[in-house]
Amino acid sequence: MVVVIAVLGLYIYQNNREYQIILLNTNDSHGSILPVDSVGGMAERATFIRMVREKNPYVLLVDAGDINTGQAISNRADAKPDILAYNYMGYDAVTVGNHEFDKPLNVLLKQMQWAEFPFVTSNIQRNGTPLGVEYLIKEIGGVKIGIFGLTTKNTENVSIHAGEVTFENEVMAARKVVKLLKKQQVNLIIGLVHLGFTESAPGFITSYRLAQEVDGIDILVDGHSHSFIERPEHIHKTTIVTANQSGRYVGEGIIRMKKYLLFDLDGTLTDPKIGITTCVQYALHSFGIEEPDLDKLEPFIGPPLRDSFMEFYGFTAEQAEEAVAKYRERFQNTGIFENEVYAGIPEMLKNLQSKGYFLALASSKPQIYVERILEHFDLKKYFAVVVGSELDGTRETKDQVVQETLHQLFKENPIEPDQVYMIGDRKFDVEGARALGVESVGVTYGYGSKEELKEAKADYIVQSVEELEKFLLRGSEELVNSNPDNKKKNPMYQRIWTMVYSFLMFIFMLRFLRMCL
């Protein structure tokens, strides 16, 4: 039985349409044509891949190397049955592992001729040219995916025939190929890397180290160390997945990437505490109320001012209007600039914009002030749409602001709330988003607590700017734990068909073997 652990589903948006792209990854197959300990085998793997493709046509199938060296039946045929099975399953790309050099180079070259898929070898050269292809750009559902491949340079020390080619330093090769892929404006960069998680020799480059030292890689599909992980690893902005060995595992999970991002201003992009609280203090003074402790005025950050004056100081609607006018008297020229951008925000916005996201600013603060603040901090250039409230009190509630923002973002196109995140620090942001059917991301580094955001039922909560950027670029993961007892989840007819199909594939593989031996 195939146990499923590390597959990523990517929801990427192009031209107002949603595409789900499934990434299926294997590694270190090691000639495992037949099941190992009654698990896996090519027939079982092919059955699983077929079932995934039946549910979704947008599938990217890749392998991180070491197809060779394992079962005798594969070894004797120079892995031809394995290559033919990979052809049948429709692999899109593989990289080379160290065991591909256990036999003379001409064997690997024969395998490349048999293959109907490219071997991506970004750091291996033969006579000054890439052994396979340096990189691959594959378009699936309108999404351009750049793929590169690396093999551990330590292969020179452990494989007898590795001297027939030249290995470049993995980090240097990765930086070079990522730069080439970025120039071609790919939406996603995936590395098939036969590096592993374990530093097995001095100076050994693991997939962890590669992710730390090379920027711009979205996903690393790793092999070599035969590691078993139940959840993807995250190093900086790179996700690392691997699938153990011998065809036992293929992972499963979902990464959601939204196309439209709505940001609150106060407490999300900037820290306005001094400006807002001193202006509230100024307004209260005009009513004979003295409040020396600015921390007590923090609840004014976020909700509409009129509501806050009435809620916290019992003002009438008329008094609240007068208080707001006094607040603005100081705010418009002084308080507005008693503000600072949270560390990492400009870099995050630039990165999101470069990835093709549409950014919008949705604030309950009057729009005239919002635009001045964004211009003052040189942030306005990142936003396609900026929406705030009006000075006369109209469009003041968060749901009204979000609704207007969506109208301006989608224009004449139908509004699709499932393509949008609303990011903010207070319950008002969460409630305003939910009123329009938009998922919310609460941030706790602002002025709303984790408890407040949980009580408001924020869909997701992050605790720092770094975590927010990582979430938006990597998305929300919904991973399925490994579970060999999948029988309980499948209807009887599907289980029967799966068994029959696996048996037929087994017979088919035996015929492959007869052709090859």
Protein backbone atom coordinates (compact mmCIF):
# COMPACT_ATOMS: atom_id res chain seq x y z
CA MET A 1 0.00 0.00 0.00
CA VAL A 2 1.29 3.47 -0.82
CA VAL A 3 1.41 5.68 2.25
CA VAL A 4 1.03 9.32 1.33
CA ILE A 5 2.97 12.06 3.10
CA ALA A 6 4.55 14.98 1.34
CA VAL A 7 2.56 16.18 -1.66
CA LEU A 8 1.94 19.90 -2.07
CA GLY A 9 -1.14 21.33 -3.71
CA LEU A 10 -0.62 24.86 -5.03
CA TYR A 11 -3.54 27.19 -5.63
CA ILE A 12 -2.15 29.81 -7.99
CA TYR A 13 -4.21 32.52 -9.62
CA GLN A 14 -3.82 33.77 -13.18
CA ASN A 15 -6.20 36.13 -14.98
CA ASN A 16 -8.81 35.90 -12.22
CA ARG A 17 -8.90 32.12 -12.43
CA GLU A 18 -7.86 29.58 -9.82
CA TYR A 19 -5.62 26.66 -10.75
CA GLN A 20 -4.81 23.84 -8.37
CA ILE A 21 -1.45 22.35 -9.21
CA ILE A 22 -0.51 19.12 -7.48
CA LEU A 23 3.18 18.40 -6.99
CA LEU A 24 3.91 14.67 -6.67
CA ASN A 25 7.45 13.86 -5.58
CA THR A 26 9.49 10.68 -5.18
CA ASN A 27 13.17 9.99 -4.56
CA ASP A 28 15.67 7.19 -4.00
CA SER A 29 13.61 4.55 -5.80
CA HIS A 30 16.66 2.24 -5.96
CA GLY A 31 15.33 -0.24 -8.47
CA SER A 32 12.19 -0.91 -6.44
CA ILE A 33 10.12 -2.36 -9.24
CA LEU A 34 8.44 -4.79 -6.86
CA PRO A 35 7.09 -3.89 -3.41
CA VAL A 36 9.57 -3.69 -0.54
CA ASP A 37 8.25 -5.32 2.64
CA SER A 38 4.84 -5.46 0.92
CA VAL A 39 4.86 -1.67 0.48
CA GLY A 40 5.16 0.36 -2.70
CA GLY A 41 6.38 -0.98 -6.00
CA MET A 42 5.94 0.56 -9.44
CA ALA A 43 2.42 -0.83 -9.93
CA GLU A 44 1.18 0.63 -6.66
CA ARG A 45 2.87 3.96 -7.39
CA ALA A 46 1.34 4.12 -10.87
CA THR A 47 -2.10 3.38 -9.41
CA PHE A 48 -1.80 6.22 -6.93
CA ILE A 49 -0.60 8.69 -9.56
CA ARG A 50 -3.47 7.72 -11.85
CA MET A 51 -5.98 8.31 -9.03
CA VAL A 52 -4.53 11.77 -8.35
CA ARG A 53 -4.70 12.71 -12.03
CA GLU A 54 -8.31 11.56 -12.27
CA LYS A 55 -9.22 14.18 -9.67
CA ASN A 56 -7.05 16.99 -11.06
CA PRO A 57 -5.47 17.31 -14.51
CA TYR A 58 -2.85 19.81 -13.30
CA VAL A 59 -0.16 17.51 -11.90
CA LEU A 60 3.61 17.96 -11.80
CA LEU A 61 5.41 14.64 -11.20
CA VAL A 62 9.12 14.77 -10.30
CA ASP A 63 11.88 12.61 -8.80
CA ALA A 64 14.99 13.64 -6.84
CA GLY A 65 17.35 10.93 -8.05
CA ASP A 66 18.85 7.50 -7.31
CA ILE A 67 16.64 5.49 -9.64
CA ASN A 68 19.50 2.97 -9.86
CA THR A 69 21.01 0.29 -7.63
CA GLY A 70 18.59 -1.87 -5.71
CA GLN A 71 16.67 -4.96 -6.70
CA ALA A 72 18.63 -7.44 -8.80
CA ILE A 73 15.99 -7.51 -11.51
CA SER A 74 16.57 -3.76 -12.07
CA ASN A 75 20.34 -3.94 -11.73
CA ARG A 76 20.71 -6.65 -14.39
CA ALA A 77 18.71 -4.62 -16.91
CA ASP A 78 20.53 -1.31 -16.25
CA ALA A 79 17.28 0.08 -14.77
CA LYS A 80 15.53 -0.04 -18.12
CA PRO A 81 12.32 -1.39 -16.51
CA ASP A 82 12.42 1.54 -14.07
CA ILE A 83 12.86 4.11 -16.84
CA LEU A 84 10.04 2.57 -18.89
CA ALA A 85 7.79 2.60 -15.82
CA TYR A 86 8.64 6.28 -15.23
CA ASN A 87 7.71 6.92 -18.87
CA TYR A 88 4.40 5.16 -18.34
CA MET A 89 3.63 7.13 -15.17
CA GLY A 90 4.40 10.38 -17.02
CA TYR A 91 7.23 11.88 -14.98
CA ASP A 92 7.88 15.50 -15.91
CA ALA A 93 11.46 15.75 -14.66
CA VAL A 94 14.06 13.91 -12.60
CA THR A 95 17.51 14.74 -11.35
CA VAL A 96 20.56 12.52 -11.04
CA GLY A 97 21.57 10.82 -7.79
CA ASN A 98 25.00 9.57 -6.77
CA HIS A 99 23.99 5.96 -7.52
CA GLU A 100 23.44 6.88 -11.16
CA PHE A 101 27.27 6.72 -11.32
CA ASP A 102 27.61 3.20 -9.91
CA LYS A 103 27.98 1.95 -13.47
CA PRO A 104 29.98 3.48 -16.33
CA LEU A 105 28.69 6.75 -17.74
CA ASN A 106 27.48 5.13 -20.95
CA VAL A 107 24.79 3.30 -18.89
CA LEU A 108 23.40 6.60 -17.61
CA LEU A 109 23.52 8.02 -21.14
CA LYS A 110 21.49 5.02 -22.34
CA GLN A 111 18.96 5.64 -19.60
CA MET A 112 18.63 9.26 -20.75
CA GLN A 113 17.91 7.99 -24.27
CA TRP A 114 15.25 5.59 -23.01
CA ALA A 115 13.62 8.31 -20.94
CA GLU A 116 10.71 10.37 -22.27
CA PHE A 117 11.37 12.92 -19.55
CA PRO A 118 14.35 15.27 -19.03
CA PHE A 119 17.16 14.69 -16.55
CA VAL A 120 17.77 18.12 -14.98
CA THR A 121 21.43 18.46 -14.00
CA SER A 122 22.29 22.05 -13.14
CA ASN A 123 25.66 21.33 -11.50
CA ILE A 124 26.98 18.43 -13.61
CA GLN A 125 28.87 18.98 -16.84
CA ARG A 126 30.37 16.69 -19.42
CA ASN A 127 32.87 18.17 -21.84
CA GLY A 128 31.83 21.70 -20.82
CA THR A 129 28.07 21.24 -21.33
CA PRO A 130 25.29 20.11 -18.95
CA LEU A 131 25.05 16.34 -18.66
CA GLY A 132 21.27 16.61 -19.03
CA VAL A 133 19.41 19.92 -19.22
CA GLU A 134 20.48 22.82 -17.03
CA TYR A 135 16.91 23.76 -16.15
CA LEU A 136 13.36 23.24 -17.32
CA ILE A 137 10.41 25.63 -17.57
CA LYS A 138 7.06 23.87 -17.56
CA GLU A 139 3.76 25.68 -17.95
CA ILE A 140 0.78 24.11 -16.22
CA GLY A 141 -2.60 25.81 -16.26
CA GLY A 142 -1.01 29.10 -17.30
CA VAL A 143 1.52 28.95 -14.45
CA LYS A 144 5.23 28.98 -15.37
CA ILE A 145 7.22 26.65 -13.14
CA GLY A 146 11.03 26.73 -13.24
CA ILE A 147 12.76 23.46 -12.33
CA PHE A 148 16.46 22.90 -11.68
CA GLY A 149 18.40 19.87 -10.43
CA LEU A 150 21.44 19.38 -8.20
CA THR A 151 23.50 16.36 -7.22
CA THR A 152 25.77 16.32 -4.20
CA LYS A 153 29.35 17.17 -5.14
CA ASN A 154 30.36 14.49 -2.67
CA THR A 155 29.45 12.02 -5.43
CA GLU A 156 33.02 12.56 -6.62
CA ASN A 157 34.19 10.79 -3.45
CA VAL A 158 31.67 7.96 -3.18
CA SER A 159 30.84 6.85 -6.73
CA ILE A 160 33.37 4.95 -8.80
CA HIS A 161 32.47 6.44 -12.20
CA ALA A 162 31.80 10.05 -11.10
CA GLY A 163 35.18 11.10 -12.47
CA GLU A 164 33.78 10.97 -16.00
CA VAL A 165 31.91 14.25 -15.36
CA THR A 166 32.53 17.53 -13.50
CA PHE A 167 30.51 18.62 -10.43
CA GLU A 168 30.06 22.32 -9.64
CA ASN A 169 29.57 23.58 -6.08
CA GLU A 170 25.87 23.17 -5.30
CA VAL A 171 25.33 26.65 -3.84
CA MET A 172 27.09 28.42 -6.71
CA ALA A 173 25.18 26.42 -9.31
CA ALA A 174 21.85 27.05 -7.58
CA ARG A 175 22.40 30.80 -7.38
CA LYS A 176 23.24 30.91 -11.06
CA VAL A 177 20.25 28.87 -12.24
CA VAL A 178 17.77 30.67 -9.94
CA LYS A 179 18.93 33.96 -11.43
CA LEU A 180 18.34 32.58 -14.94
CA LEU A 181 14.85 31.37 -14.02
CA LYS A 182 13.90 34.71 -12.43
CA LYS A 183 14.90 36.50 -15.63
CA GLN A 184 12.36 34.35 -17.44
CA GLN A 185 9.67 35.46 -14.95
CA VAL A 186 8.59 32.06 -13.71
CA ASN A 187 5.86 31.98 -11.05
CA LEU A 188 7.44 29.22 -9.00
CA ILE A 189 10.97 27.81 -8.65
CA ILE A 190 11.40 24.15 -7.68
CA GLY A 191 14.74 22.44 -7.09
CA LEU A 192 15.12 18.67 -7.44
CA VAL A 193 18.12 18.15 -5.18
CA HIS A 194 19.93 14.94 -4.32
CA LEU A 195 21.59 16.40 -1.22
CA GLY A 196 19.85 15.01 1.85
CA PHE A 197 19.38 16.32 5.37
CA THR A 198 22.59 14.90 6.87
CA GLU A 199 26.05 16.46 6.68
CA SER A 200 27.95 13.26 5.94
CA ALA A 201 31.33 14.86 5.24
CA PRO A 202 33.13 18.15 6.10
CA GLY A 203 31.70 20.98 4.00
CA PHE A 204 28.81 18.82 2.79
CA ILE A 205 25.94 20.89 1.34
CA THR A 206 22.59 19.63 2.67
CA SER A 207 19.22 20.80 1.42
CA TYR A 208 18.91 22.79 4.67
CA ARG A 209 22.13 24.64 3.98
CA LEU A 210 21.16 25.25 0.36
CA ALA A 211 17.87 26.84 1.47
CA GLN A 212 19.77 29.04 3.94
CA GLU A 213 22.34 30.24 1.42
CA VAL A 214 20.30 30.62 -1.78
CA ASP A 215 17.38 33.04 -2.00
CA GLY A 216 14.48 32.65 -4.40
CA ILE A 217 13.81 28.89 -4.18
CA ASP A 218 10.17 28.16 -3.41
CA ILE A 219 10.33 24.37 -3.01
CA LEU A 220 13.15 21.85 -2.69
CA VAL A 221 12.31 18.22 -3.49
CA ASP A 222 15.08 16.39 -1.69
CA GLY A 223 16.66 12.94 -1.87
CA HIS A 224 19.81 11.06 -0.80
CA SER A 225 19.42 10.74 2.99
CA HIS A 226 16.25 8.60 2.80
CA SER A 227 14.67 10.88 5.40
CA PHE A 228 11.12 10.35 6.63
CA ILE A 229 9.19 13.51 7.47
CA GLU A 230 5.48 13.83 8.20
CA ARG A 231 5.38 17.57 7.50
CA PRO A 232 7.34 19.77 5.07
CA GLU A 233 10.36 21.55 6.52
CA HIS A 234 10.57 25.36 6.20
CA ILE A 235 13.91 27.14 5.98
CA HIS A 236 13.49 30.90 5.52
CA LYS A 237 11.13 31.17 2.52
CA THR A 238 11.83 27.69 1.14
CA THR A 239 9.72 24.58 1.70
CA ILE A 240 11.58 21.25 1.69
CA VAL A 241 9.84 17.93 1.01
CA THR A 242 11.16 14.39 0.68
CA ALA A 243 9.62 10.93 0.43
CA ASN A 244 11.89 8.43 2.20
CA GLN A 245 13.06 5.67 -0.20
CA SER A 246 12.21 2.67 -2.38
CA GLY A 247 8.90 4.06 -3.62
CA ARG A 248 7.27 3.59 -0.22
CA TYR A 249 5.93 7.10 0.07
CA VAL A 250 4.43 9.98 -1.88
CA GLY A 251 3.33 12.94 0.29
CA GLU A 252 0.07 14.84 0.49
CA GLY A 253 -0.84 18.36 1.58
CA ILE A 254 -2.24 21.68 0.44
CA ILE A 255 -0.60 25.06 0.15
CA ARG A 256 -3.01 27.84 -0.66
CA MET A 257 -1.79 30.98 -2.33
CA LYS A 258 -4.22 33.89 -2.63
CA LYS A 259 -3.91 36.46 -5.39
CA TYR A 260 -5.44 39.52 -3.69
CA LEU A 261 -4.21 40.79 -0.33
CA LEU A 262 -6.04 43.50 1.63
CA PHE A 263 -3.99 45.16 4.38
CA ASP A 264 -5.16 47.21 7.31
CA LEU A 265 -2.87 50.17 8.08
CA ASP A 266 -2.71 50.96 11.81
CA GLY A 267 -1.21 48.11 13.81
CA THR A 268 -0.56 46.06 10.67
CA LEU A 269 1.80 48.07 8.46
CA THR A 270 2.62 50.93 10.81
CA ASP A 271 2.75 51.55 14.55
CA PRO A 272 0.64 54.70 15.06
CA LYS A 273 0.47 54.62 18.85
CA ILE A 274 2.08 57.96 19.67
CA GLY A 275 0.16 59.89 17.01
CA ILE A 276 -3.27 58.41 17.74
CA THR A 277 -3.08 58.35 21.54
CA THR A 278 -1.70 61.89 21.89
CA CYS A 279 -4.43 63.19 19.57
CA VAL A 280 -7.08 61.37 21.62
CA GLN A 281 -5.48 62.85 24.72
CA TYR A 282 -5.70 66.29 23.09
CA ALA A 283 -9.39 65.79 22.24
CA LEU A 284 -10.26 64.59 25.74
CA HIS A 285 -8.48 67.61 27.26
CA SER A 286 -10.91 69.87 25.40
CA PHE A 287 -13.71 68.16 27.37
CA GLY A 288 -11.88 68.61 30.67
CA ILE A 289 -10.78 64.97 30.78
CA GLU A 290 -7.12 64.36 31.59
CA GLU A 291 -5.58 61.01 30.67
CA PRO A 292 -1.79 61.02 31.20
CA ASP A 293 -1.35 57.29 30.53
CA LEU A 294 -1.18 56.83 26.75
CA ASP A 295 -1.28 53.04 27.14
CA LYS A 296 -4.88 53.31 28.34
CA LEU A 297 -5.79 54.94 25.02
CA GLU A 298 -4.51 52.07 22.88
CA PRO A 299 -8.07 50.70 22.32
CA PHE A 300 -8.64 53.74 20.08
CA ILE A 301 -6.23 52.20 17.57
CA GLY A 302 -8.29 50.34 14.99
CA PRO A 303 -12.01 51.03 15.33
CA PRO A 304 -13.80 54.18 14.12
CA LEU A 305 -13.06 57.13 16.43
CA ARG A 306 -16.71 58.10 16.94
CA ASP A 307 -17.54 54.64 18.23
CA SER A 308 -14.54 54.64 20.56
CA PHE A 309 -15.34 58.00 22.18
CA MET A 310 -18.90 56.84 22.82
CA GLU A 311 -17.88 53.37 24.06
CA PHE A 312 -14.96 54.29 26.31
CA TYR A 313 -16.04 57.74 27.60
CA GLY A 314 -19.81 57.63 27.29
CA PHE A 315 -20.00 60.53 24.83
CA THR A 316 -23.19 61.25 23.01
CA ALA A 317 -23.16 61.12 19.22
CA GLU A 318 -22.91 64.92 19.13
CA GLN A 319 -20.04 64.97 21.65
CA ALA A 320 -18.26 62.23 19.70
CA GLU A 321 -18.45 64.34 16.52
CA GLU A 322 -16.93 67.28 18.37
CA ALA A 323 -14.20 65.05 19.85
CA VAL A 324 -13.31 63.69 16.41
CA ALA A 325 -13.02 67.26 15.11
CA LYS A 326 -10.63 68.15 17.97
CA TYR A 327 -8.66 64.95 17.33
CA ARG A 328 -8.21 65.86 13.66
CA GLU A 329 -7.19 69.40 14.60
CA ARG A 330 -3.93 68.01 15.98
CA PHE A 331 -3.70 64.85 13.85
CA GLN A 332 -3.76 66.40 10.37
CA ASN A 333 -0.39 68.14 10.69
CA THR A 334 1.33 66.60 13.70
CA GLY A 335 -0.11 63.28 14.85
CA ILE A 336 -0.22 61.85 11.35
CA PHE A 337 3.58 61.68 11.27
CA GLU A 338 4.02 60.44 14.85
CA ASN A 339 4.07 57.01 13.34
CA GLU A 340 6.59 54.39 12.20
CA VAL A 341 6.63 51.45 9.80
CA TYR A 342 7.09 48.03 11.36
CA ALA A 343 10.46 46.48 10.55
CA GLY A 344 10.33 44.24 7.48
CA ILE A 345 7.10 45.68 6.05
CA PRO A 346 8.60 47.48 2.98
CA GLU A 347 10.62 44.40 2.07
CA MET A 348 7.58 42.14 2.46
CA LEU A 349 5.37 44.36 0.29
CA LYS A 350 8.04 44.56 -2.40
CA ASN A 351 8.45 40.79 -2.39
CA LEU A 352 4.71 40.15 -2.57
CA GLN A 353 4.31 42.61 -5.42
CA SER A 354 7.21 41.01 -7.32
CA LYS A 355 5.50 37.62 -6.97
CA GLY A 356 2.45 38.92 -8.82
CA TYR A 357 0.08 39.58 -5.92
CA PHE A 358 -2.38 42.47 -6.10
CA LEU A 359 -2.08 44.51 -2.89
CA ALA A 360 -4.76 46.81 -1.53
CA LEU A 361 -5.00 49.03 1.54
CA ALA A 362 -8.33 48.83 3.40
CA SER A 363 -8.47 51.12 6.45
CA SER A 364 -11.18 52.73 8.58
CA LYS A 365 -8.95 55.81 8.83
CA PRO A 366 -10.01 58.67 6.50
CA GLN A 367 -8.61 58.08 3.04
CA ILE A 368 -6.97 61.48 2.84
CA TYR A 369 -4.83 60.57 5.87
CA VAL A 370 -4.15 57.04 4.66
CA GLU A 371 -2.73 58.30 1.36
CA ARG A 372 -0.54 60.92 3.09
CA ILE A 373 0.89 58.27 5.44
CA LEU A 374 1.62 55.86 2.60
CA GLU A 375 3.30 58.60 0.59
CA HIS A 376 5.29 59.78 3.61
CA PHE A 377 6.74 56.29 4.15
CA ASP A 378 7.10 55.58 0.41
CA LEU A 379 4.66 52.63 0.60
CA LYS A 380 1.94 53.79 -1.77
CA LYS A 381 3.77 52.40 -4.82
CA TYR A 382 3.04 48.86 -3.65
CA PHE A 383 -0.76 49.21 -3.61
CA ALA A 384 -3.04 48.84 -6.61
CA VAL A 385 -5.98 50.16 -4.60
CA VAL A 386 -6.17 52.38 -1.50
CA VAL A 387 -9.49 52.72 0.33
CA GLY A 388 -10.28 54.53 3.57
CA SER A 389 -13.29 56.15 5.20
CA GLU A 390 -14.66 59.57 4.34
CA LEU A 391 -14.30 62.61 6.59
CA ASP A 392 -18.08 63.00 6.71
CA GLY A 393 -18.39 59.60 8.43
CA THR A 394 -19.55 57.60 5.44
CA ARG A 395 -17.90 54.27 4.59
CA GLU A 396 -16.57 54.08 8.12
CA THR A 397 -17.21 50.48 9.19
CA LYS A 398 -14.73 47.82 8.17
CA ASP A 399 -17.20 45.78 6.12
CA GLN A 400 -18.02 48.90 4.07
CA VAL A 401 -14.32 49.56 3.53
CA VAL A 402 -13.65 45.95 2.49
CA GLN A 403 -16.65 45.98 0.15
CA GLU A 404 -15.44 49.13 -1.63
CA THR A 405 -11.90 47.73 -1.85
CA LEU A 406 -13.19 44.55 -3.52
CA HIS A 407 -15.23 46.59 -6.00
CA GLN A 408 -12.18 48.59 -6.99
CA LEU A 409 -9.94 45.51 -7.20
CA PHE A 410 -12.22 43.39 -9.36
CA LYS A 411 -13.74 46.30 -11.30
CA GLU A 412 -16.18 44.95 -13.88
CA ASN A 413 -15.29 41.31 -13.10
CA PRO A 414 -17.34 39.24 -10.64
CA ILE A 415 -16.01 39.55 -7.10
CA GLU A 416 -14.45 36.28 -5.94
CA PRO A 417 -13.92 36.48 -2.16
CA ASP A 418 -12.14 33.10 -2.07
CA GLN A 419 -9.20 34.71 -3.87
CA VAL A 420 -8.68 37.28 -1.11
CA TYR A 421 -7.09 37.58 2.34
CA MET A 422 -7.81 40.49 4.70
CA ILE A 423 -4.81 41.10 6.99
CA GLY A 424 -5.27 43.11 10.16
CA ASP A 425 -4.60 43.29 13.89
CA ARG A 426 -8.07 43.85 15.38
CA LYS A 427 -11.37 42.01 15.58
CA PHE A 428 -12.90 44.68 13.34
CA ASP A 429 -10.70 43.52 10.47
CA VAL A 430 -11.76 39.91 11.01
CA GLU A 431 -15.45 40.75 11.29
CA GLY A 432 -15.36 43.06 8.26
CA ALA A 433 -13.72 40.36 6.17
CA ARG A 434 -16.16 37.66 7.24
CA ALA A 435 -19.12 39.87 6.37
CA LEU A 436 -17.90 39.82 2.75
CA GLY A 437 -16.96 36.11 2.72
CA VAL A 438 -13.22 36.86 2.82
CA GLU A 439 -10.72 34.83 4.86
CA SER A 440 -8.81 36.80 7.49
CA VAL A 441 -5.24 36.73 8.77
CA GLY A 442 -4.85 38.23 12.22
CA VAL A 443 -1.49 39.66 13.32
CA THR A 444 -0.58 39.81 17.00
CA TYR A 445 2.35 42.24 16.70
CA GLY A 446 -0.16 45.12 16.46
CA TYR A 447 -2.78 46.16 19.00
CA GLY A 448 -5.13 43.20 19.06
CA SER A 449 -4.33 40.23 21.28
CA LYS A 450 -4.29 36.61 20.18
CA GLU A 451 -7.33 36.06 22.41
CA GLU A 452 -9.23 38.89 20.69
CA LEU A 453 -8.45 37.51 17.24
CA LYS A 454 -9.38 33.96 18.28
CA GLU A 455 -12.66 35.13 19.75
CA ALA A 456 -13.40 37.00 16.53
CA LYS A 457 -12.70 33.70 14.69
CA ALA A 458 -9.78 34.84 12.55
CA ASP A 459 -9.07 32.15 9.97
CA TYR A 460 -5.31 32.36 10.57
CA ILE A 461 -3.13 34.09 13.16
CA VAL A 462 0.55 35.03 12.84
CA GLN A 463 2.82 36.65 15.38
CA SER A 464 5.42 38.59 13.41
CA VAL A 465 6.02 40.32 10.09
CA GLU A 466 8.41 37.53 9.14
CA GLU A 467 5.79 34.89 9.90
CA LEU A 468 3.17 36.87 7.96
CA GLU A 469 5.35 37.04 4.85
CA LYS A 470 6.15 33.36 5.11
CA PHE A 471 2.45 32.54 5.45
CA LEU A 472 1.37 34.66 2.48
CA LEU A 473 4.09 33.30 0.21
CA ARG A 474 3.80 29.72 1.37
CA GLY A 475 0.13 29.75 2.22
CA SER A 476 -1.93 27.73 4.63
CA GLU A 477 -0.96 24.12 4.87
CA GLU A 478 -3.48 21.39 5.34
CA LEU A 479 -1.44 18.24 5.64
CA VAL A 480 -2.71 14.69 5.79
CA ASN A 481 -0.72 12.54 8.21
CA SER A 482 0.61 9.26 6.94
CA ASN A 483 -2.14 6.68 7.23
CA PRO A 484 -1.71 3.21 5.81
CA ASP A 485 -5.32 2.31 6.59
CA ASN A 486 -6.84 4.30 3.74
CA LYS A 487 -9.42 1.55 3.18
CA LYS A 488 -11.79 3.22 5.60
CA LYS A 489 -11.91 6.35 3.48
CA ASN A 490 -12.63 4.75 0.09
CA PRO A 491 -15.94 3.33 -1.13
CA MET A 492 -15.96 -0.42 -1.82
CA TYR A 493 -16.04 -0.14 -5.63
CA GLN A 494 -12.98 2.12 -5.57
CA ARG A 495 -11.04 -0.28 -3.34
CA ILE A 496 -11.87 -3.20 -5.62
CA TRP A 497 -10.86 -1.27 -8.73
CA THR A 498 -7.61 -0.19 -7.08
CA MET A 499 -6.69 -3.80 -6.29
CA VAL A 500 -7.56 -4.94 -9.82
CA TYR A 501 -5.65 -2.06 -11.40
CA SER A 502 -2.60 -2.74 -9.23
CA PHE A 503 -2.64 -6.41 -10.24
CA LEU A 504 -2.87 -5.49 -13.92
CA MET A 505 0.02 -3.05 -13.49
CA PHE A 506 2.06 -5.81 -11.84
CA ILE A 507 1.48 -8.08 -14.86
CA PHE A 508 2.39 -5.17 -17.13
CA MET A 509 5.65 -4.68 -15.24
CA LEU A 510 6.54 -8.36 -15.62
CA ARG A 511 6.17 -7.95 -19.35
CA PHE A 512 8.49 -4.98 -19.17
CA LEU A 513 11.06 -7.17 -17.49
CA ARG A 514 10.83 -9.83 -20.19
CA MET A 515 11.47 -7.15 -22.79
CA CYS A 516 14.51 -5.89 -20.96
CA LEU A 517 16.25 -9.12 -19.88
